[in-house]
Each structure stands twice: as structure tokens, then as C-alpha cells.
Amino acid sequence: MIPTAPTFGNVKFITIDRLKEMGFSHYKISRLVASGIIRPSNRTTYENLSYDGDENDFYSAAAFVPHGVICLMSAAKYYQLTDFLPDAVQVAIDRKKKVSTLPAWPEIKLFYFSPARIDLGVREIHEGDNSFRIYDLEKTVADIISYRNKVGIEETAEILRNFLRRKDCDLNRLHDYAKKLRCEKPLRNYLEVLIQ
């Protein structure tokens, strides 16, 4: 007997591993697809077609790039450091990893990070049954300073200015990340201009 969609809770995407943990064989998963309860997103993940929660492009990014981390301007927007909304969800991925499938929408732009950069400052956000990985506030700012030529010099200054206005900003942590990412000098240059 095929269960109804509420069995999956209010989760937007569900992995094949999770389905197997719940007792679904490949045959039963095929029946769920045929019944219109789920549909394949890629080789490892299915979309719950009865999901009625809030839509968040970060859930799709997590489903299509399972080892990825929301980064740069997408993370800056999440932390309200900028009003700019990027055209695509910006996701960091280890340069040794491959992504087999990306959705037509939302558009996802991949940034290939070194092993030393990719795991630094990652946090997991849980929203109900859904989750995604994103860099913490200070790592986001440090990455933007590193990528300032791609992000834009003015945009980088605005993000750092907004960061400094926050009560929860941690300059020591930002400096520590800048040191590890070798962007101490540009950070110092920005701070000299902004803190006067």
C-alpha cells in the first residue's frame, strides 16, 4: 500500500537514503513517483509534491547541491547585509566535487572553493523539516572581501558597513577568517576608511 504524502511531513525535498530509512524499496519509490506523490529532482533526491510550506530557494540549492554551502551575496542577503538580490542562488562547493544536475529554476551559480576555504564557518539552518547550509556572518563578509573584484568594490564596502552596524558582529572572528583566507590587507584597508 502506498502511503499518502503527509507521511513525509512538511519537507520540500527528501533523499533516496531517507526514503529507504523509512522502509521504501526502489519498487515502492517508483510507485510513489507514478502516483504523483513525489518526483525525482536528481539521482539522489525527490521533491514532495504535496509540500505546502514556505518556498525558499535555499531548500532547492540544498537538494541539488547537497554538499554545497550558501555563500557570497546570497548569504549577505540572508543576513540582511545588502538589499541586492542575486539573479542566482550562490553556492560554494569543494572544487573536487561534481554536481550532476541543476534545476532550471531557481538558477544556481556554483563557486568552487579550496578544501581550506569550503569547511570554514559553515552552519546548518533548520526551518521546520527543511534545512540548508550557509556560511556564518563573519565568514560571509570575509569571503566577500576575498571576492571583492567579482562582487564589486562599492557593494563590498556597503556589506562591511552594514556588518559593523550590527550588535552581533564579531570583529575578532572576522579578522581570524581574513587571516586564514589571506585577505587581511584588504580588510584593513576597508576598515581604515569605514572606521574614522
C-alpha atoms as a PDB file:
ATOM      1  CA  MET A   1       0.000   0.000   0.000  1.00  0.00           C
ATOM      2  CA  ILE A   2       1.348   3.438  -0.988  1.00  0.00           C
ATOM      3  CA  PRO A   3       1.169   5.983   1.834  1.00  0.00           C
ATOM      4  CA  THR A   4      -0.229   9.448   1.324  1.00  0.00           C
ATOM      5  CA  ALA A   5       2.114  12.443   1.055  1.00  0.00           C
ATOM      6  CA  PRO A   6       1.678  13.652   4.667  1.00  0.00           C
ATOM      7  CA  THR A   7       3.877  10.696   5.675  1.00  0.00           C
ATOM      8  CA  PHE A   8       6.792  12.876   4.530  1.00  0.00           C
ATOM      9  CA  GLY A   9       5.877  15.737   6.835  1.00  0.00           C
ATOM     10  CA  ASN A  10       6.336  19.278   5.704  1.00  0.00           C
ATOM     11  CA  VAL A  11       9.627  18.692   3.927  1.00  0.00           C
ATOM     12  CA  LYS A  12      10.210  20.092   0.435  1.00  0.00           C
ATOM     13  CA  PHE A  13      12.838  17.553  -0.677  1.00  0.00           C
ATOM     14  CA  ILE A  14      13.578  14.049   0.524  1.00  0.00           C
ATOM     15  CA  THR A  15      16.634  11.935  -0.285  1.00  0.00           C
ATOM     16  CA  ILE A  16      16.560   8.374  -1.508  1.00  0.00           C
ATOM     17  CA  ASP A  17      18.543   7.388   1.621  1.00  0.00           C
ATOM     18  CA  ARG A  18      15.840   8.898   3.842  1.00  0.00           C
ATOM     19  CA  LEU A  19      13.123   7.071   1.874  1.00  0.00           C
ATOM     20  CA  LYS A  20      14.991   3.780   2.361  1.00  0.00           C
ATOM     21  CA  GLU A  21      15.344   4.509   6.101  1.00  0.00           C
ATOM     22  CA  MET A  22      11.546   4.906   6.146  1.00  0.00           C
ATOM     23  CA  GLY A  23      11.188   1.426   4.638  1.00  0.00           C
ATOM     24  CA  PHE A  24      10.622   2.256   0.956  1.00  0.00           C
ATOM     25  CA  SER A  25      12.159  -0.122  -1.578  1.00  0.00           C
ATOM     26  CA  HIS A  26      13.071   1.012  -5.101  1.00  0.00           C
ATOM     27  CA  TYR A  27       9.776  -0.507  -6.260  1.00  0.00           C
ATOM     28  CA  LYS A  28       7.747   1.469  -3.702  1.00  0.00           C
ATOM     29  CA  ILE A  29       9.640   4.656  -4.551  1.00  0.00           C
ATOM     30  CA  SER A  30       8.746   4.090  -8.223  1.00  0.00           C
ATOM     31  CA  ARG A  31       5.095   3.701  -7.196  1.00  0.00           C
ATOM     32  CA  LEU A  32       5.250   6.996  -5.249  1.00  0.00           C
ATOM     33  CA  VAL A  33       6.574   8.700  -8.387  1.00  0.00           C
ATOM     34  CA  ALA A  34       3.896   7.077 -10.575  1.00  0.00           C
ATOM     35  CA  SER A  35       1.201   8.160  -8.100  1.00  0.00           C
ATOM     36  CA  GLY A  36       2.345  11.796  -8.286  1.00  0.00           C
ATOM     37  CA  ILE A  37       3.317  11.956  -4.617  1.00  0.00           C
ATOM     38  CA  ILE A  38       6.996  12.669  -5.294  1.00  0.00           C
ATOM     39  CA  ARG A  39       9.060  13.431  -8.373  1.00  0.00           C
ATOM     40  CA  PRO A  40      12.781  12.964  -8.962  1.00  0.00           C
ATOM     41  CA  SER A  41      14.872  16.131  -8.763  1.00  0.00           C
ATOM     42  CA  ASN A  42      18.181  14.402  -9.432  1.00  0.00           C
ATOM     43  CA  ARG A  43      19.725  10.966  -8.882  1.00  0.00           C
ATOM     44  CA  THR A  44      19.562  11.150  -5.078  1.00  0.00           C
ATOM     45  CA  THR A  45      16.664  13.473  -4.214  1.00  0.00           C
ATOM     46  CA  TYR A  46      12.911  13.676  -4.717  1.00  0.00           C
ATOM     47  CA  GLU A  47      10.540  16.628  -4.415  1.00  0.00           C
ATOM     48  CA  ASN A  48       7.490  16.216  -2.174  1.00  0.00           C
ATOM     49  CA  LEU A  49       4.659  17.380  -4.468  1.00  0.00           C
ATOM     50  CA  SER A  50       2.240  17.980  -1.590  1.00  0.00           C
ATOM     51  CA  TYR A  51       4.619  20.367   0.203  1.00  0.00           C
ATOM     52  CA  ASP A  52       2.655  23.434   1.276  1.00  0.00           C
ATOM     53  CA  GLY A  53       5.172  25.279   3.441  1.00  0.00           C
ATOM     54  CA  ASP A  54       7.103  28.437   2.688  1.00  0.00           C
ATOM     55  CA  GLU A  55       9.081  28.409  -0.526  1.00  0.00           C
ATOM     56  CA  ASN A  56      12.784  29.065  -0.118  1.00  0.00           C
ATOM     57  CA  ASP A  57      15.298  28.831  -2.962  1.00  0.00           C
ATOM     58  CA  PHE A  58      17.884  27.661  -0.421  1.00  0.00           C
ATOM     59  CA  TYR A  59      15.955  24.379   0.021  1.00  0.00           C
ATOM     60  CA  SER A  60      16.344  23.703  -3.704  1.00  0.00           C
ATOM     61  CA  ALA A  61      20.034  24.586  -3.543  1.00  0.00           C
ATOM     62  CA  ALA A  62      20.484  22.112  -0.681  1.00  0.00           C
ATOM     63  CA  ALA A  63      18.671  19.401  -2.659  1.00  0.00           C
ATOM     64  CA  PHE A  64      20.592  19.861  -5.897  1.00  0.00           C
ATOM     65  CA  VAL A  65      23.983  20.623  -4.315  1.00  0.00           C
ATOM     66  CA  PRO A  66      23.869  18.502  -1.127  1.00  0.00           C
ATOM     67  CA  HIS A  67      27.458  19.283  -0.088  1.00  0.00           C
ATOM     68  CA  GLY A  68      27.158  22.950  -1.054  1.00  0.00           C
ATOM     69  CA  VAL A  69      27.057  25.993   1.190  1.00  0.00           C
ATOM     70  CA  ILE A  70      25.067  29.192   0.540  1.00  0.00           C
ATOM     71  CA  CYS A  71      27.693  31.892   0.061  1.00  0.00           C
ATOM     72  CA  LEU A  72      28.654  35.395  -1.008  1.00  0.00           C
ATOM     73  CA  MET A  73      25.754  37.708  -1.993  1.00  0.00           C
ATOM     74  CA  SER A  74      23.069  35.088  -1.287  1.00  0.00           C
ATOM     75  CA  ALA A  75      24.398  34.719   2.269  1.00  0.00           C
ATOM     76  CA  ALA A  76      24.793  38.512   2.584  1.00  0.00           C
ATOM     77  CA  LYS A  77      21.124  38.939   1.630  1.00  0.00           C
ATOM     78  CA  TYR A  78      20.121  36.268   4.190  1.00  0.00           C
ATOM     79  CA  TYR A  79      21.967  38.206   6.929  1.00  0.00           C
ATOM     80  CA  GLN A  80      20.418  41.496   5.723  1.00  0.00           C
ATOM     81  CA  LEU A  81      23.812  42.971   4.878  1.00  0.00           C
ATOM     82  CA  THR A  82      22.517  44.090   1.482  1.00  0.00           C
ATOM     83  CA  ASP A  83      19.253  44.755  -0.334  1.00  0.00           C
ATOM     84  CA  PHE A  84      20.710  43.306  -3.528  1.00  0.00           C
ATOM     85  CA  LEU A  85      19.090  40.049  -4.599  1.00  0.00           C
ATOM     86  CA  PRO A  86      21.395  37.995  -6.842  1.00  0.00           C
ATOM     87  CA  ASP A  87      19.976  36.545 -10.075  1.00  0.00           C
ATOM     88  CA  ALA A  88      21.026  33.076  -8.918  1.00  0.00           C
ATOM     89  CA  VAL A  89      21.481  31.331  -5.580  1.00  0.00           C
ATOM     90  CA  GLN A  90      25.222  31.442  -4.967  1.00  0.00           C
ATOM     91  CA  VAL A  91      26.535  28.134  -3.645  1.00  0.00           C
ATOM     92  CA  ALA A  92      30.088  27.174  -2.701  1.00  0.00           C
ATOM     93  CA  ILE A  93      31.229  23.657  -3.462  1.00  0.00           C
ATOM     94  CA  ASP A  94      34.517  21.848  -2.969  1.00  0.00           C
ATOM     95  CA  ARG A  95      36.472  22.126  -6.206  1.00  0.00           C
ATOM     96  CA  LYS A  96      36.901  18.315  -6.228  1.00  0.00           C
ATOM     97  CA  LYS A  97      33.125  17.640  -6.151  1.00  0.00           C
ATOM     98  CA  LYS A  98      30.844  17.330  -9.155  1.00  0.00           C
ATOM     99  CA  VAL A  99      27.192  18.299  -9.494  1.00  0.00           C
ATOM    100  CA  SER A 100      25.240  16.121 -11.913  1.00  0.00           C
ATOM    101  CA  THR A 101      22.042  18.153 -12.299  1.00  0.00           C
ATOM    102  CA  LEU A 102      20.989  21.743 -11.647  1.00  0.00           C
ATOM    103  CA  PRO A 103      17.391  22.967 -11.837  1.00  0.00           C
ATOM    104  CA  ALA A 104      16.134  25.410 -14.469  1.00  0.00           C
ATOM    105  CA  TRP A 105      14.688  27.370 -11.545  1.00  0.00           C
ATOM    106  CA  PRO A 106      15.871  28.631  -9.186  1.00  0.00           C
ATOM    107  CA  GLU A 107      19.101  29.304 -11.028  1.00  0.00           C
ATOM    108  CA  ILE A 108      22.113  28.144  -9.019  1.00  0.00           C
ATOM    109  CA  LYS A 109      25.594  29.569  -9.541  1.00  0.00           C
ATOM    110  CA  LEU A 110      28.447  27.430  -8.265  1.00  0.00           C
ATOM    111  CA  PHE A 111      31.662  28.775  -6.769  1.00  0.00           C
ATOM    112  CA  TYR A 112      34.442  26.219  -6.466  1.00  0.00           C
ATOM    113  CA  PHE A 113      36.248  26.720  -3.147  1.00  0.00           C
ATOM    114  CA  SER A 114      39.504  25.154  -1.992  1.00  0.00           C
ATOM    115  CA  PRO A 115      39.345  22.483   0.735  1.00  0.00           C
ATOM    116  CA  ALA A 116      40.769  25.003   3.233  1.00  0.00           C
ATOM    117  CA  ARG A 117      38.003  27.527   2.464  1.00  0.00           C
ATOM    118  CA  ILE A 118      34.967  25.256   1.967  1.00  0.00           C
ATOM    119  CA  ASP A 119      34.558  23.904   5.516  1.00  0.00           C
ATOM    120  CA  LEU A 120      35.397  27.114   7.370  1.00  0.00           C
ATOM    121  CA  GLY A 121      32.470  28.798   9.150  1.00  0.00           C
ATOM    122  CA  VAL A 122      29.653  26.504   7.959  1.00  0.00           C
ATOM    123  CA  ARG A 123      26.415  26.467   9.914  1.00  0.00           C
ATOM    124  CA  GLU A 124      23.247  24.475   9.309  1.00  0.00           C
ATOM    125  CA  ILE A 125      19.923  26.291   9.433  1.00  0.00           C
ATOM    126  CA  HIS A 126      16.784  24.284  10.242  1.00  0.00           C
ATOM    127  CA  GLU A 127      13.403  25.702   9.292  1.00  0.00           C
ATOM    128  CA  GLY A 128      10.774  23.179  10.307  1.00  0.00           C
ATOM    129  CA  ASP A 129      11.559  19.939   8.454  1.00  0.00           C
ATOM    130  CA  ASN A 130      13.811  21.718   5.940  1.00  0.00           C
ATOM    131  CA  SER A 131      17.434  22.702   6.250  1.00  0.00           C
ATOM    132  CA  PHE A 132      20.309  24.255   4.333  1.00  0.00           C
ATOM    133  CA  ARG A 133      23.968  25.027   4.936  1.00  0.00           C
ATOM    134  CA  ILE A 134      25.227  28.615   4.918  1.00  0.00           C
ATOM    135  CA  TYR A 135      28.381  30.393   5.985  1.00  0.00           C
ATOM    136  CA  ASP A 136      28.182  32.269   9.269  1.00  0.00           C
ATOM    137  CA  LEU A 137      28.024  36.060   9.301  1.00  0.00           C
ATOM    138  CA  GLU A 138      31.759  36.728   9.624  1.00  0.00           C
ATOM    139  CA  LYS A 139      32.804  34.083   7.074  1.00  0.00           C
ATOM    140  CA  THR A 140      30.323  35.586   4.607  1.00  0.00           C
ATOM    141  CA  VAL A 141      31.948  39.014   4.993  1.00  0.00           C
ATOM    142  CA  ALA A 142      35.471  37.551   4.723  1.00  0.00           C
ATOM    143  CA  ASP A 143      34.518  35.689   1.515  1.00  0.00           C
ATOM    144  CA  ILE A 144      33.011  38.860   0.045  1.00  0.00           C
ATOM    145  CA  ILE A 145      36.228  40.751   0.778  1.00  0.00           C
ATOM    146  CA  SER A 146      38.178  37.944  -0.927  1.00  0.00           C
ATOM    147  CA  TYR A 147      35.848  38.101  -3.939  1.00  0.00           C
ATOM    148  CA  ARG A 148      35.533  41.927  -3.895  1.00  0.00           C
ATOM    149  CA  ASN A 149      36.526  42.243  -7.567  1.00  0.00           C
ATOM    150  CA  LYS A 150      33.645  39.961  -8.594  1.00  0.00           C
ATOM    151  CA  VAL A 151      31.168  41.328  -6.033  1.00  0.00           C
ATOM    152  CA  GLY A 152      32.088  44.975  -6.653  1.00  0.00           C
ATOM    153  CA  ILE A 153      34.160  47.388  -4.572  1.00  0.00           C
ATOM    154  CA  GLU A 154      31.197  49.596  -3.571  1.00  0.00           C
ATOM    155  CA  GLU A 155      28.994  46.600  -2.748  1.00  0.00           C
ATOM    156  CA  THR A 156      31.774  45.146  -0.585  1.00  0.00           C
ATOM    157  CA  ALA A 157      32.095  48.451   1.301  1.00  0.00           C
ATOM    158  CA  GLU A 158      28.305  48.566   1.842  1.00  0.00           C
ATOM    159  CA  ILE A 159      28.264  45.000   3.186  1.00  0.00           C
ATOM    160  CA  LEU A 160      31.145  45.693   5.579  1.00  0.00           C
ATOM    161  CA  ARG A 161      29.476  48.952   6.708  1.00  0.00           C
ATOM    162  CA  ASN A 162      26.223  47.103   7.446  1.00  0.00           C
ATOM    163  CA  PHE A 163      28.166  44.357   9.228  1.00  0.00           C
ATOM    164  CA  LEU A 164      29.833  46.925  11.521  1.00  0.00           C
ATOM    165  CA  ARG A 165      26.409  48.369  12.463  1.00  0.00           C
ATOM    166  CA  ARG A 166      25.198  45.016  13.780  1.00  0.00           C
ATOM    167  CA  LYS A 167      25.280  44.389  17.518  1.00  0.00           C
ATOM    168  CA  ASP A 168      26.109  40.720  16.933  1.00  0.00           C
ATOM    169  CA  CYS A 169      29.143  41.311  14.679  1.00  0.00           C
ATOM    170  CA  ASP A 170      32.403  39.800  15.894  1.00  0.00           C
ATOM    171  CA  LEU A 171      35.435  41.691  14.576  1.00  0.00           C
ATOM    172  CA  ASN A 172      37.858  39.207  16.137  1.00  0.00           C
ATOM    173  CA  ARG A 173      36.215  36.323  14.298  1.00  0.00           C
ATOM    174  CA  LEU A 174      36.175  38.321  11.055  1.00  0.00           C
ATOM    175  CA  HIS A 175      39.892  39.062  11.471  1.00  0.00           C
ATOM    176  CA  ASP A 176      40.584  35.384  12.175  1.00  0.00           C
ATOM    177  CA  TYR A 177      38.787  34.358   8.965  1.00  0.00           C
ATOM    178  CA  ALA A 178      40.566  37.101   6.991  1.00  0.00           C
ATOM    179  CA  LYS A 179      43.908  35.787   8.249  1.00  0.00           C
ATOM    180  CA  LYS A 180      43.051  32.199   7.257  1.00  0.00           C
ATOM    181  CA  LEU A 181      41.760  33.323   3.850  1.00  0.00           C
ATOM    182  CA  ARG A 182      44.698  35.694   3.272  1.00  0.00           C
ATOM    183  CA  CYS A 183      42.617  38.821   2.862  1.00  0.00           C
ATOM    184  CA  GLU A 184      43.821  40.710   5.953  1.00  0.00           C
ATOM    185  CA  LYS A 185      45.276  43.618   3.982  1.00  0.00           C
ATOM    186  CA  PRO A 186      42.108  44.463   2.006  1.00  0.00           C
ATOM    187  CA  LEU A 187      40.049  44.075   5.204  1.00  0.00           C
ATOM    188  CA  ARG A 188      42.373  46.508   6.992  1.00  0.00           C
ATOM    189  CA  ASN A 189      42.134  48.956   4.071  1.00  0.00           C
ATOM    190  CA  TYR A 190      38.320  48.881   4.166  1.00  0.00           C
ATOM    191  CA  LEU A 191      38.252  49.275   7.946  1.00  0.00           C
ATOM    192  CA  GLU A 192      40.613  52.273   7.839  1.00  0.00           C
ATOM    193  CA  VAL A 193      38.191  54.041   5.506  1.00  0.00           C
ATOM    194  CA  LEU A 194      34.986  52.995   7.314  1.00  0.00           C
ATOM    195  CA  ILE A 195      36.087  53.420  10.935  1.00  0.00           C
ATOM    196  CA  GLN A 196      37.111  57.051  11.329  1.00  0.00           C
END
